[in-house]
């Protein structure tokens, strides 16, 4: 996405059972608001019991000669492209599409479990492919050869063949996974699933107008415009052309025979629910017409609590009177669409 996220580098500290040496400062505005400076002693917590973040500085321990930190104006990549804060957004972004860091992250996202799920194509391998100039975009993954992979450190014939097989297998992923893998801003799994079911093929989505796209549940005008703009970009259509030439399936729509008993209901999941991966629990909800947001609100129908849940979600649900159910209750909810007695 090109987002430039500031982090605080810390002296290692144990926080909620793990050692933390970096903590997010979120964005430019948060740095200014909290007035965190180099050399500060800071208070750190885990946001949502997961992500370490800086709460603020301990002013009584601040060095006398400290100066406010200035947010960089250029990307750290070799292109030294300008960092821009888009109006209406808190994030600062590198807007240069050729930024190598963005390119690598797009490929990593495409190969991730939530997208095309290409086993063996992790960060280290993506960086190595990039350094060798073997890939310039996600479309180039499908033209990789055994000869190229064998030039990478750590790859022998067996591991190279396994990766090539994983890449080939990804060609038949469901359309919704492909849509997520494209990395279109704000297009998440639920909306991608709705789009794939409504239009049936990638070509139909490409040809659809923003008005037609916005009619889909979970899309709306803003995301519809982003989708249309993404496919209007010539460089993106060049990627689609590479997919087509490689035989990537554009119309593999997963058949959903799950009962639509959660339509209009928002079910939040926290922790690991027995019998489900994190993505699996969310998919079980969305496949039944429900929504699975990442936070609890007054509109939440139920909070599903698994092992090692986030304390903040539990607290919020209790404060708002949101029903809290366990794994057994979740199965009952999926079966009937109603809360267990």
C-alpha atoms as a PDB file:
ATOM      1  CA  UNK A   1       0.000   0.000   0.000  1.00  0.00           C
ATOM      2  CA  UNK A   2       3.021   2.274   0.309  1.00  0.00           C
ATOM      3  CA  UNK A   3       2.086   3.270   3.838  1.00  0.00           C
ATOM      4  CA  UNK A   4       4.997   4.725   5.796  1.00  0.00           C
ATOM      5  CA  UNK A   5       4.488   3.620   9.393  1.00  0.00           C
ATOM      6  CA  UNK A   6       6.768   5.051  12.095  1.00  0.00           C
ATOM      7  CA  UNK A   7       8.083   2.626  14.722  1.00  0.00           C
ATOM      8  CA  UNK A   8       9.879   3.164  18.001  1.00  0.00           C
ATOM      9  CA  UNK A   9      13.027   1.074  18.466  1.00  0.00           C
ATOM     10  CA  UNK A  10      13.158   0.117  22.141  1.00  0.00           C
ATOM     11  CA  UNK A  11      15.464  -1.458  24.617  1.00  0.00           C
ATOM     12  CA  UNK A  12      14.002  -4.993  24.858  1.00  0.00           C
ATOM     13  CA  UNK A  13      11.237  -5.270  27.441  1.00  0.00           C
ATOM     14  CA  UNK A  14       8.925  -8.143  28.411  1.00  0.00           C
ATOM     15  CA  UNK A  15       5.317  -7.235  27.673  1.00  0.00           C
ATOM     16  CA  UNK A  16       2.366  -9.606  28.149  1.00  0.00           C
ATOM     17  CA  UNK A  17       4.626 -12.624  28.040  1.00  0.00           C
ATOM     18  CA  UNK A  18       6.793 -11.709  25.046  1.00  0.00           C
ATOM     19  CA  UNK A  19       9.934  -9.634  24.528  1.00  0.00           C
ATOM     20  CA  UNK A  20       9.280  -6.423  22.619  1.00  0.00           C
ATOM     21  CA  UNK A  21      11.966  -4.321  20.931  1.00  0.00           C
ATOM     22  CA  UNK A  22       9.795  -2.344  18.486  1.00  0.00           C
ATOM     23  CA  UNK A  23       6.442  -0.620  18.897  1.00  0.00           C
ATOM     24  CA  UNK A  24       4.226   1.149  16.406  1.00  0.00           C
ATOM     25  CA  UNK A  25       3.618   4.884  16.449  1.00  0.00           C
ATOM     26  CA  UNK A  26       0.868   4.441  13.828  1.00  0.00           C
ATOM     27  CA  UNK A  27       1.260   7.607  11.741  1.00  0.00           C
ATOM     28  CA  UNK A  28       2.613  11.142  11.492  1.00  0.00           C
ATOM     29  CA  UNK A  29      -0.271  12.687  13.445  1.00  0.00           C
ATOM     30  CA  UNK A  30       0.129  10.266  16.348  1.00  0.00           C
ATOM     31  CA  UNK A  31       3.838  11.069  16.629  1.00  0.00           C
ATOM     32  CA  UNK A  32       3.028  14.770  16.804  1.00  0.00           C
ATOM     33  CA  UNK A  33       0.101  14.299  19.176  1.00  0.00           C
ATOM     34  CA  UNK A  34       2.076  12.144  21.605  1.00  0.00           C
ATOM     35  CA  UNK A  35       5.253  14.204  21.092  1.00  0.00           C
ATOM     36  CA  UNK A  36       7.474  11.130  21.185  1.00  0.00           C
ATOM     37  CA  UNK A  37      11.123  12.019  20.622  1.00  0.00           C
ATOM     38  CA  UNK A  38      14.404  10.143  20.109  1.00  0.00           C
ATOM     39  CA  UNK A  39      15.901   9.212  23.478  1.00  0.00           C
ATOM     40  CA  UNK A  40      12.573   9.280  25.322  1.00  0.00           C
ATOM     41  CA  UNK A  41      11.566   6.760  27.948  1.00  0.00           C
ATOM     42  CA  UNK A  42       8.106   5.643  26.868  1.00  0.00           C
ATOM     43  CA  UNK A  43       5.076   3.743  28.113  1.00  0.00           C
ATOM     44  CA  UNK A  44       4.268   0.751  25.899  1.00  0.00           C
ATOM     45  CA  UNK A  45       1.232  -1.510  25.737  1.00  0.00           C
ATOM     46  CA  UNK A  46      -0.183  -4.149  23.409  1.00  0.00           C
ATOM     47  CA  UNK A  47      -3.094  -2.754  21.419  1.00  0.00           C
ATOM     48  CA  UNK A  48      -5.833  -5.362  21.300  1.00  0.00           C
ATOM     49  CA  UNK A  49      -3.462  -7.542  23.313  1.00  0.00           C
ATOM     50  CA  UNK A  50      -1.471  -8.153  20.124  1.00  0.00           C
ATOM     51  CA  UNK A  51       0.371  -5.178  18.601  1.00  0.00           C
ATOM     52  CA  UNK A  52       2.924  -3.280  20.729  1.00  0.00           C
ATOM     53  CA  UNK A  53       2.265   0.460  20.588  1.00  0.00           C
ATOM     54  CA  UNK A  54       3.699   3.535  22.278  1.00  0.00           C
ATOM     55  CA  UNK A  55       1.223   5.198  24.642  1.00  0.00           C
ATOM     56  CA  UNK A  56       3.405   8.238  25.246  1.00  0.00           C
ATOM     57  CA  UNK A  57       6.664   9.565  26.699  1.00  0.00           C
ATOM     58  CA  UNK A  58       7.599   9.856  30.365  1.00  0.00           C
ATOM     59  CA  UNK A  59       8.321  13.585  30.349  1.00  0.00           C
ATOM     60  CA  UNK A  60      10.126  13.580  33.697  1.00  0.00           C
ATOM     61  CA  UNK A  61      12.789  11.321  32.163  1.00  0.00           C
ATOM     62  CA  UNK A  62      13.167  13.201  28.876  1.00  0.00           C
ATOM     63  CA  UNK A  63      16.758  14.261  27.989  1.00  0.00           C
ATOM     64  CA  UNK A  64      17.296  18.014  28.311  1.00  0.00           C
ATOM     65  CA  UNK A  65      18.487  18.523  24.742  1.00  0.00           C
ATOM     66  CA  UNK A  66      15.763  16.455  23.063  1.00  0.00           C
ATOM     67  CA  UNK A  67      14.243  17.719  19.832  1.00  0.00           C
ATOM     68  CA  UNK A  68      10.966  16.769  18.120  1.00  0.00           C
ATOM     69  CA  UNK A  69      11.330  14.001  15.551  1.00  0.00           C
ATOM     70  CA  UNK A  70      10.676  15.052  11.982  1.00  0.00           C
ATOM     71  CA  UNK A  71       8.722  12.698   9.768  1.00  0.00           C
ATOM     72  CA  UNK A  72      10.741  11.910   6.612  1.00  0.00           C
ATOM     73  CA  UNK A  73       9.646  13.513   3.358  1.00  0.00           C
ATOM     74  CA  UNK A  74      11.033  10.836   1.025  1.00  0.00           C
ATOM     75  CA  UNK A  75      10.795   7.056   0.840  1.00  0.00           C
ATOM     76  CA  UNK A  76      13.834   5.077   1.976  1.00  0.00           C
ATOM     77  CA  UNK A  77      13.917   3.173  -1.334  1.00  0.00           C
ATOM     78  CA  UNK A  78      16.526   3.944  -3.987  1.00  0.00           C
ATOM     79  CA  UNK A  79      13.992   6.009  -5.934  1.00  0.00           C
ATOM     80  CA  UNK A  80      13.764   8.494  -3.031  1.00  0.00           C
ATOM     81  CA  UNK A  81      10.164   9.121  -4.026  1.00  0.00           C
ATOM     82  CA  UNK A  82       8.066  11.670  -2.189  1.00  0.00           C
ATOM     83  CA  UNK A  83       5.976  10.689   0.827  1.00  0.00           C
ATOM     84  CA  UNK A  84       2.488  12.175   0.683  1.00  0.00           C
ATOM     85  CA  UNK A  85      -0.291  12.461   3.232  1.00  0.00           C
ATOM     86  CA  UNK A  86      -3.503  12.130   1.261  1.00  0.00           C
ATOM     87  CA  UNK A  87      -6.243  14.545   2.270  1.00  0.00           C
ATOM     88  CA  UNK A  88      -8.714  12.902   4.615  1.00  0.00           C
ATOM     89  CA  UNK A  89      -6.313  10.115   5.606  1.00  0.00           C
ATOM     90  CA  UNK A  90      -4.064   9.794   8.633  1.00  0.00           C
ATOM     91  CA  UNK A  91      -1.477   7.692   6.807  1.00  0.00           C
ATOM     92  CA  UNK A  92       1.504   8.994   4.877  1.00  0.00           C
ATOM     93  CA  UNK A  93       2.285   7.005   1.741  1.00  0.00           C
ATOM     94  CA  UNK A  94       4.872   6.564  -0.952  1.00  0.00           C
ATOM     95  CA  UNK A  95       2.892   7.146  -4.136  1.00  0.00           C
ATOM     96  CA  UNK A  96       5.549   5.882  -6.547  1.00  0.00           C
ATOM     97  CA  UNK A  97       4.171   2.647  -8.062  1.00  0.00           C
ATOM     98  CA  UNK A  98       7.688   1.483  -8.980  1.00  0.00           C
ATOM     99  CA  UNK A  99       8.866   1.614  -5.357  1.00  0.00           C
ATOM    100  CA  UNK A 100      10.680  -1.720  -4.814  1.00  0.00           C
ATOM    101  CA  UNK A 101       9.441  -2.025  -1.233  1.00  0.00           C
ATOM    102  CA  UNK A 102       5.839  -1.719  -2.386  1.00  0.00           C
ATOM    103  CA  UNK A 103       6.466  -4.229  -5.161  1.00  0.00           C
ATOM    104  CA  UNK A 104       7.858  -6.791  -2.729  1.00  0.00           C
ATOM    105  CA  UNK A 105       5.004  -6.299  -0.274  1.00  0.00           C
ATOM    106  CA  UNK A 106       2.436  -6.709  -3.059  1.00  0.00           C
ATOM    107  CA  UNK A 107       3.991 -10.059  -3.965  1.00  0.00           C
ATOM    108  CA  UNK A 108       4.135 -11.152  -0.320  1.00  0.00           C
ATOM    109  CA  UNK A 109       0.469 -10.238   0.092  1.00  0.00           C
ATOM    110  CA  UNK A 110      -0.497 -12.087  -3.100  1.00  0.00           C
ATOM    111  CA  UNK A 111       1.193 -15.264  -1.843  1.00  0.00           C
ATOM    112  CA  UNK A 112      -0.223 -15.024   1.686  1.00  0.00           C
ATOM    113  CA  UNK A 113      -2.643 -17.535   3.174  1.00  0.00           C
ATOM    114  CA  UNK A 114      -5.561 -15.124   2.997  1.00  0.00           C
ATOM    115  CA  UNK A 115      -4.990 -14.628  -0.726  1.00  0.00           C
ATOM    116  CA  UNK A 116      -3.449 -17.163  -3.146  1.00  0.00           C
ATOM    117  CA  UNK A 117      -1.855 -19.253  -0.384  1.00  0.00           C
ATOM    118  CA  UNK A 118       1.414 -20.114  -2.161  1.00  0.00           C
ATOM    119  CA  UNK A 119       3.272 -22.313   0.294  1.00  0.00           C
ATOM    120  CA  UNK A 120       6.998 -21.648   0.443  1.00  0.00           C
ATOM    121  CA  UNK A 121       6.814 -18.144  -1.010  1.00  0.00           C
ATOM    122  CA  UNK A 122       7.602 -16.115   2.086  1.00  0.00           C
ATOM    123  CA  UNK A 123       9.340 -12.789   2.593  1.00  0.00           C
ATOM    124  CA  UNK A 124      12.869 -14.157   2.310  1.00  0.00           C
ATOM    125  CA  UNK A 125      12.176 -15.834  -1.027  1.00  0.00           C
ATOM    126  CA  UNK A 126      10.337 -12.809  -2.411  1.00  0.00           C
ATOM    127  CA  UNK A 127      13.245 -10.534  -1.490  1.00  0.00           C
ATOM    128  CA  UNK A 128      15.678 -12.951  -3.140  1.00  0.00           C
ATOM    129  CA  UNK A 129      13.599 -13.084  -6.335  1.00  0.00           C
ATOM    130  CA  UNK A 130      13.390  -9.311  -6.340  1.00  0.00           C
ATOM    131  CA  UNK A 131      17.135  -8.881  -5.851  1.00  0.00           C
ATOM    132  CA  UNK A 132      17.752 -11.116  -8.866  1.00  0.00           C
ATOM    133  CA  UNK A 133      15.183  -9.137 -10.902  1.00  0.00           C
ATOM    134  CA  UNK A 134      13.272 -12.362 -11.540  1.00  0.00           C
ATOM    135  CA  UNK A 135       9.950 -10.721 -10.636  1.00  0.00           C
ATOM    136  CA  UNK A 136       8.727  -7.183 -11.174  1.00  0.00           C
ATOM    137  CA  UNK A 137       5.086  -7.811 -10.245  1.00  0.00           C
ATOM    138  CA  UNK A 138       2.750 -10.593  -9.120  1.00  0.00           C
ATOM    139  CA  UNK A 139       2.178 -11.714 -12.698  1.00  0.00           C
ATOM    140  CA  UNK A 140       5.831 -12.701 -13.069  1.00  0.00           C
ATOM    141  CA  UNK A 141       5.447 -15.439 -10.462  1.00  0.00           C
ATOM    142  CA  UNK A 142       3.848 -17.640 -13.095  1.00  0.00           C
ATOM    143  CA  UNK A 143       6.846 -17.407 -15.424  1.00  0.00           C
ATOM    144  CA  UNK A 144       9.406 -18.553 -12.858  1.00  0.00           C
ATOM    145  CA  UNK A 145      11.468 -21.566 -13.887  1.00  0.00           C
ATOM    146  CA  UNK A 146      13.473 -24.250 -12.155  1.00  0.00           C
ATOM    147  CA  UNK A 147      16.663 -22.713 -13.517  1.00  0.00           C
ATOM    148  CA  UNK A 148      15.876 -19.346 -11.941  1.00  0.00           C
ATOM    149  CA  UNK A 149      14.934 -20.764  -8.548  1.00  0.00           C
ATOM    150  CA  UNK A 150      18.117 -22.829  -8.386  1.00  0.00           C
ATOM    151  CA  UNK A 151      20.070 -19.567  -8.509  1.00  0.00           C
ATOM    152  CA  UNK A 152      18.611 -18.522  -5.140  1.00  0.00           C
ATOM    153  CA  UNK A 153      20.465 -19.247  -1.913  1.00  0.00           C
ATOM    154  CA  UNK A 154      18.958 -22.157  -0.024  1.00  0.00           C
ATOM    155  CA  UNK A 155      17.158 -23.685  -2.994  1.00  0.00           C
ATOM    156  CA  UNK A 156      17.919 -27.205  -4.158  1.00  0.00           C
ATOM    157  CA  UNK A 157      16.047 -29.084  -6.866  1.00  0.00           C
ATOM    158  CA  UNK A 158      13.398 -30.509  -4.529  1.00  0.00           C
ATOM    159  CA  UNK A 159      12.561 -27.207  -2.813  1.00  0.00           C
ATOM    160  CA  UNK A 160      12.498 -25.408  -6.165  1.00  0.00           C
ATOM    161  CA  UNK A 161      10.121 -27.981  -7.649  1.00  0.00           C
ATOM    162  CA  UNK A 162       7.896 -27.759  -4.574  1.00  0.00           C
ATOM    163  CA  UNK A 163       7.613 -23.989  -4.946  1.00  0.00           C
ATOM    164  CA  UNK A 164       6.861 -24.259  -8.656  1.00  0.00           C
ATOM    165  CA  UNK A 165       4.113 -26.766  -7.853  1.00  0.00           C
ATOM    166  CA  UNK A 166       2.664 -24.454  -5.195  1.00  0.00           C
ATOM    167  CA  UNK A 167       2.632 -21.591  -7.694  1.00  0.00           C
ATOM    168  CA  UNK A 168       0.965 -23.793 -10.309  1.00  0.00           C
ATOM    169  CA  UNK A 169      -1.628 -24.984  -7.784  1.00  0.00           C
ATOM    170  CA  UNK A 170      -2.533 -21.377  -6.989  1.00  0.00           C
ATOM    171  CA  UNK A 171      -3.856 -20.912 -10.535  1.00  0.00           C
ATOM    172  CA  UNK A 172      -7.059 -22.671  -9.521  1.00  0.00           C
ATOM    173  CA  UNK A 173      -7.780 -20.687  -6.367  1.00  0.00           C
ATOM    174  CA  UNK A 174     -11.337 -19.331  -5.996  1.00  0.00           C
ATOM    175  CA  UNK A 175     -12.024 -15.980  -7.622  1.00  0.00           C
ATOM    176  CA  UNK A 176     -12.485 -14.309  -4.235  1.00  0.00           C
ATOM    177  CA  UNK A 177      -8.935 -15.282  -3.242  1.00  0.00           C
ATOM    178  CA  UNK A 178      -7.589 -13.858  -6.498  1.00  0.00           C
ATOM    179  CA  UNK A 179      -9.436 -10.595  -5.904  1.00  0.00           C
ATOM    180  CA  UNK A 180      -7.969 -10.308  -2.413  1.00  0.00           C
ATOM    181  CA  UNK A 181      -4.530 -11.111  -3.806  1.00  0.00           C
ATOM    182  CA  UNK A 182      -4.664  -8.170  -6.207  1.00  0.00           C
ATOM    183  CA  UNK A 183      -4.305  -5.871  -3.214  1.00  0.00           C
ATOM    184  CA  UNK A 184      -7.033  -3.407  -4.180  1.00  0.00           C
ATOM    185  CA  UNK A 185      -7.262  -0.931  -1.325  1.00  0.00           C
ATOM    186  CA  UNK A 186     -10.113  -1.583   1.142  1.00  0.00           C
ATOM    187  CA  UNK A 187     -11.305  -4.705  -0.712  1.00  0.00           C
ATOM    188  CA  UNK A 188     -11.468  -7.390   1.962  1.00  0.00           C
ATOM    189  CA  UNK A 189     -12.415 -11.095   1.879  1.00  0.00           C
ATOM    190  CA  UNK A 190     -16.134 -10.607   2.551  1.00  0.00           C
ATOM    191  CA  UNK A 191     -16.633  -8.051  -0.225  1.00  0.00           C
ATOM    192  CA  UNK A 192     -14.459 -10.118  -2.582  1.00  0.00           C
ATOM    193  CA  UNK A 193     -16.662 -13.138  -1.905  1.00  0.00           C
ATOM    194  CA  UNK A 194     -19.805 -11.125  -2.611  1.00  0.00           C
ATOM    195  CA  UNK A 195     -18.332  -9.794  -5.854  1.00  0.00           C
ATOM    196  CA  UNK A 196     -17.323 -13.244  -7.068  1.00  0.00           C
ATOM    197  CA  UNK A 197     -20.775 -14.683  -6.407  1.00  0.00           C
ATOM    198  CA  UNK A 198     -22.577 -11.779  -8.061  1.00  0.00           C
ATOM    199  CA  UNK A 199     -20.434 -11.445 -11.198  1.00  0.00           C
ATOM    200  CA  UNK A 200     -19.074 -14.975 -11.559  1.00  0.00           C
ATOM    201  CA  UNK A 201     -15.810 -14.100 -13.296  1.00  0.00           C
ATOM    202  CA  UNK A 202     -12.946 -11.635 -13.163  1.00  0.00           C
ATOM    203  CA  UNK A 203     -13.731 -10.427 -16.678  1.00  0.00           C
ATOM    204  CA  UNK A 204     -17.279  -9.526 -15.634  1.00  0.00           C
ATOM    205  CA  UNK A 205     -15.930  -7.551 -12.675  1.00  0.00           C
ATOM    206  CA  UNK A 206     -13.452  -5.737 -14.936  1.00  0.00           C
ATOM    207  CA  UNK A 207     -16.270  -4.758 -17.295  1.00  0.00           C
ATOM    208  CA  UNK A 208     -18.661  -3.679 -14.527  1.00  0.00           C
ATOM    209  CA  UNK A 209     -19.321  -0.002 -13.896  1.00  0.00           C
ATOM    210  CA  UNK A 210     -18.694   1.585 -10.494  1.00  0.00           C
ATOM    211  CA  UNK A 211     -22.462   1.860 -10.099  1.00  0.00           C
ATOM    212  CA  UNK A 212     -22.909  -1.877 -10.643  1.00  0.00           C
ATOM    213  CA  UNK A 213     -20.060  -2.697  -8.279  1.00  0.00           C
ATOM    214  CA  UNK A 214     -21.405  -0.418  -5.549  1.00  0.00           C
ATOM    215  CA  UNK A 215     -24.664  -2.375  -5.433  1.00  0.00           C
ATOM    216  CA  UNK A 216     -22.843  -5.360  -3.938  1.00  0.00           C
ATOM    217  CA  UNK A 217     -23.150  -5.850  -0.184  1.00  0.00           C
ATOM    218  CA  UNK A 218     -20.010  -4.647   1.574  1.00  0.00           C
ATOM    219  CA  UNK A 219     -18.676  -2.698  -1.410  1.00  0.00           C
ATOM    220  CA  UNK A 220     -20.289   0.735  -1.626  1.00  0.00           C
ATOM    221  CA  UNK A 221     -19.277   3.735  -3.725  1.00  0.00           C
ATOM    222  CA  UNK A 222     -15.774   4.280  -2.319  1.00  0.00           C
ATOM    223  CA  UNK A 223     -14.549   0.705  -2.765  1.00  0.00           C
ATOM    224  CA  UNK A 224     -16.360   0.400  -6.103  1.00  0.00           C
ATOM    225  CA  UNK A 225     -14.434   3.407  -7.394  1.00  0.00           C
ATOM    226  CA  UNK A 226     -11.141   1.947  -6.160  1.00  0.00           C
ATOM    227  CA  UNK A 227     -11.889  -1.349  -7.930  1.00  0.00           C
ATOM    228  CA  UNK A 228     -12.771   0.399 -11.191  1.00  0.00           C
ATOM    229  CA  UNK A 229      -9.694   2.619 -10.987  1.00  0.00           C
ATOM    230  CA  UNK A 230      -7.455  -0.384 -10.300  1.00  0.00           C
ATOM    231  CA  UNK A 231      -8.566  -2.148 -13.466  1.00  0.00           C
ATOM    232  CA  UNK A 232      -8.368   1.093 -15.466  1.00  0.00           C
ATOM    233  CA  UNK A 233      -4.613   1.211 -14.797  1.00  0.00           C
ATOM    234  CA  UNK A 234      -2.647  -0.123 -17.799  1.00  0.00           C
ATOM    235  CA  UNK A 235       0.073  -1.626 -15.605  1.00  0.00           C
ATOM    236  CA  UNK A 236      -2.537  -3.594 -13.684  1.00  0.00           C
ATOM    237  CA  UNK A 237      -4.153  -4.857 -16.856  1.00  0.00           C
ATOM    238  CA  UNK A 238      -0.699  -5.996 -17.977  1.00  0.00           C
ATOM    239  CA  UNK A 239      -0.638  -8.187 -14.866  1.00  0.00           C
ATOM    240  CA  UNK A 240      -4.073  -9.578 -15.744  1.00  0.00           C
ATOM    241  CA  UNK A 241      -2.707 -10.374 -19.207  1.00  0.00           C
ATOM    242  CA  UNK A 242       0.139 -12.350 -17.614  1.00  0.00           C
ATOM    243  CA  UNK A 243      -2.372 -14.241 -15.466  1.00  0.00           C
ATOM    244  CA  UNK A 244      -4.449 -15.072 -18.525  1.00  0.00           C
ATOM    245  CA  UNK A 245      -1.414 -16.298 -20.471  1.00  0.00           C
ATOM    246  CA  UNK A 246      -0.354 -18.477 -17.526  1.00  0.00           C
ATOM    247  CA  UNK A 247      -3.780 -20.090 -17.242  1.00  0.00           C
ATOM    248  CA  UNK A 248      -4.908 -18.551 -13.956  1.00  0.00           C
ATOM    249  CA  UNK A 249      -8.610 -19.303 -13.489  1.00  0.00           C
ATOM    250  CA  UNK A 250     -10.807 -16.202 -13.615  1.00  0.00           C
ATOM    251  CA  UNK A 251     -14.158 -17.847 -12.931  1.00  0.00           C
ATOM    252  CA  UNK A 252     -13.599 -20.310 -10.115  1.00  0.00           C
ATOM    253  CA  UNK A 253     -16.454 -19.329  -7.832  1.00  0.00           C
ATOM    254  CA  UNK A 254     -16.775 -21.466  -4.735  1.00  0.00           C
ATOM    255  CA  UNK A 255     -20.231 -22.999  -4.437  1.00  0.00           C
ATOM    256  CA  UNK A 256     -21.782 -21.890  -1.178  1.00  0.00           C
ATOM    257  CA  UNK A 257     -24.488 -24.170   0.142  1.00  0.00           C
ATOM    258  CA  UNK A 258     -24.305 -22.830   3.689  1.00  0.00           C
ATOM    259  CA  UNK A 259     -27.610 -21.586   5.124  1.00  0.00           C
ATOM    260  CA  UNK A 260     -27.905 -17.801   4.956  1.00  0.00           C
ATOM    261  CA  UNK A 261     -28.901 -17.529   8.598  1.00  0.00           C
ATOM    262  CA  UNK A 262     -26.527 -14.752   9.674  1.00  0.00           C
ATOM    263  CA  UNK A 263     -27.567 -12.086   7.183  1.00  0.00           C
ATOM    264  CA  UNK A 264     -27.414  -8.662   8.813  1.00  0.00           C
ATOM    265  CA  UNK A 265     -25.568  -9.966  11.876  1.00  0.00           C
ATOM    266  CA  UNK A 266     -22.062  -8.919  12.928  1.00  0.00           C
ATOM    267  CA  UNK A 267     -20.175 -11.640  14.780  1.00  0.00           C
ATOM    268  CA  UNK A 268     -16.737 -10.837  16.195  1.00  0.00           C
ATOM    269  CA  UNK A 269     -14.210 -13.588  16.931  1.00  0.00           C
ATOM    270  CA  UNK A 270     -11.401 -13.296  19.469  1.00  0.00           C
ATOM    271  CA  UNK A 271      -8.812 -15.928  20.289  1.00  0.00           C
ATOM    272  CA  UNK A 272      -8.460 -19.342  18.655  1.00  0.00           C
ATOM    273  CA  UNK A 273     -11.782 -21.161  18.360  1.00  0.00           C
ATOM    274  CA  UNK A 274     -11.504 -24.945  18.555  1.00  0.00           C
ATOM    275  CA  UNK A 275     -11.930 -26.529  15.139  1.00  0.00           C
ATOM    276  CA  UNK A 276     -11.316 -23.304  13.203  1.00  0.00           C
ATOM    277  CA  UNK A 277      -8.374 -21.285  11.985  1.00  0.00           C
ATOM    278  CA  UNK A 278      -8.771 -17.510  12.346  1.00  0.00           C
ATOM    279  CA  UNK A 279      -9.636 -17.199   8.663  1.00  0.00           C
ATOM    280  CA  UNK A 280     -11.858 -20.277   8.860  1.00  0.00           C
ATOM    281  CA  UNK A 281     -13.981 -18.832  11.652  1.00  0.00           C
ATOM    282  CA  UNK A 282     -14.451 -15.588   9.742  1.00  0.00           C
ATOM    283  CA  UNK A 283     -15.296 -17.462   6.546  1.00  0.00           C
ATOM    284  CA  UNK A 284     -17.866 -19.578   8.398  1.00  0.00           C
ATOM    285  CA  UNK A 285     -19.608 -16.344   9.376  1.00  0.00           C
ATOM    286  CA  UNK A 286     -19.401 -14.538   6.040  1.00  0.00           C
ATOM    287  CA  UNK A 287     -20.430 -17.630   4.041  1.00  0.00           C
ATOM    288  CA  UNK A 288     -23.703 -17.544   5.977  1.00  0.00           C
ATOM    289  CA  UNK A 289     -24.314 -13.926   5.055  1.00  0.00           C
ATOM    290  CA  UNK A 290     -22.926 -12.408   8.238  1.00  0.00           C
ATOM    291  CA  UNK A 291     -20.131  -9.938   8.822  1.00  0.00           C
ATOM    292  CA  UNK A 292     -16.999 -10.523  10.879  1.00  0.00           C
ATOM    293  CA  UNK A 293     -15.537  -7.142  11.855  1.00  0.00           C
ATOM    294  CA  UNK A 294     -12.353  -6.833  13.845  1.00  0.00           C
ATOM    295  CA  UNK A 295     -13.801  -4.884  16.751  1.00  0.00           C
ATOM    296  CA  UNK A 296     -16.792  -4.961  19.085  1.00  0.00           C
ATOM    297  CA  UNK A 297     -19.475  -2.271  18.890  1.00  0.00           C
ATOM    298  CA  UNK A 298     -23.051  -1.739  19.979  1.00  0.00           C
ATOM    299  CA  UNK A 299     -24.117  -3.342  16.682  1.00  0.00           C
ATOM    300  CA  UNK A 300     -22.258  -6.603  17.383  1.00  0.00           C
ATOM    301  CA  UNK A 301     -24.642  -9.567  17.506  1.00  0.00           C
ATOM    302  CA  UNK A 302     -22.232 -11.804  19.436  1.00  0.00           C
ATOM    303  CA  UNK A 303     -18.607 -12.141  20.511  1.00  0.00           C
ATOM    304  CA  UNK A 304     -17.135 -15.617  20.000  1.00  0.00           C
ATOM    305  CA  UNK A 305     -14.396 -16.324  22.544  1.00  0.00           C
ATOM    306  CA  UNK A 306     -11.728 -18.945  21.895  1.00  0.00           C
ATOM    307  CA  UNK A 307      -8.412 -19.732  23.557  1.00  0.00           C
ATOM    308  CA  UNK A 308      -6.218 -16.753  24.505  1.00  0.00           C
ATOM    309  CA  UNK A 309      -8.827 -14.091  23.684  1.00  0.00           C
ATOM    310  CA  UNK A 310      -8.141 -10.375  23.533  1.00  0.00           C
ATOM    311  CA  UNK A 311      -8.980  -8.746  26.848  1.00  0.00           C
ATOM    312  CA  UNK A 312     -10.048  -5.476  25.216  1.00  0.00           C
ATOM    313  CA  UNK A 313     -12.756  -7.165  23.133  1.00  0.00           C
ATOM    314  CA  UNK A 314     -14.057  -9.046  26.156  1.00  0.00           C
ATOM    315  CA  UNK A 315     -14.158  -5.858  28.201  1.00  0.00           C
ATOM    316  CA  UNK A 316     -15.921  -3.936  25.440  1.00  0.00           C
ATOM    317  CA  UNK A 317     -18.503  -6.679  24.943  1.00  0.00           C
ATOM    318  CA  UNK A 318     -19.217  -6.796  28.670  1.00  0.00           C
ATOM    319  CA  UNK A 319     -19.599  -3.020  28.856  1.00  0.00           C
ATOM    320  CA  UNK A 320     -22.012  -2.960  25.903  1.00  0.00           C
ATOM    321  CA  UNK A 321     -23.956  -6.037  26.949  1.00  0.00           C
ATOM    322  CA  UNK A 322     -22.988  -7.946  23.805  1.00  0.00           C
ATOM    323  CA  UNK A 323     -23.663 -11.707  24.142  1.00  0.00           C
ATOM    324  CA  UNK A 324     -20.477 -13.741  24.664  1.00  0.00           C
ATOM    325  CA  UNK A 325     -20.385 -17.344  23.434  1.00  0.00           C
ATOM    326  CA  UNK A 326     -17.804 -20.144  23.426  1.00  0.00           C
ATOM    327  CA  UNK A 327     -16.852 -22.646  20.702  1.00  0.00           C
ATOM    328  CA  UNK A 328     -19.918 -24.814  21.333  1.00  0.00           C
ATOM    329  CA  UNK A 329     -22.157 -21.769  21.185  1.00  0.00           C
ATOM    330  CA  UNK A 330     -20.472 -20.728  17.945  1.00  0.00           C
ATOM    331  CA  UNK A 331     -21.317 -24.070  16.334  1.00  0.00           C
ATOM    332  CA  UNK A 332     -24.921 -23.636  17.454  1.00  0.00           C
ATOM    333  CA  UNK A 333     -24.974 -20.119  16.035  1.00  0.00           C
ATOM    334  CA  UNK A 334     -23.641 -21.338  12.683  1.00  0.00           C
ATOM    335  CA  UNK A 335     -26.236 -24.097  12.589  1.00  0.00           C
ATOM    336  CA  UNK A 336     -29.301 -22.091  13.564  1.00  0.00           C
ATOM    337  CA  UNK A 337     -28.415 -18.428  13.195  1.00  0.00           C
ATOM    338  CA  UNK A 338     -29.553 -17.914  16.771  1.00  0.00           C
ATOM    339  CA  UNK A 339     -27.752 -17.555  20.077  1.00  0.00           C
ATOM    340  CA  UNK A 340     -27.661 -20.658  22.290  1.00  0.00           C
ATOM    341  CA  UNK A 341     -30.029 -20.691  25.242  1.00  0.00           C
END
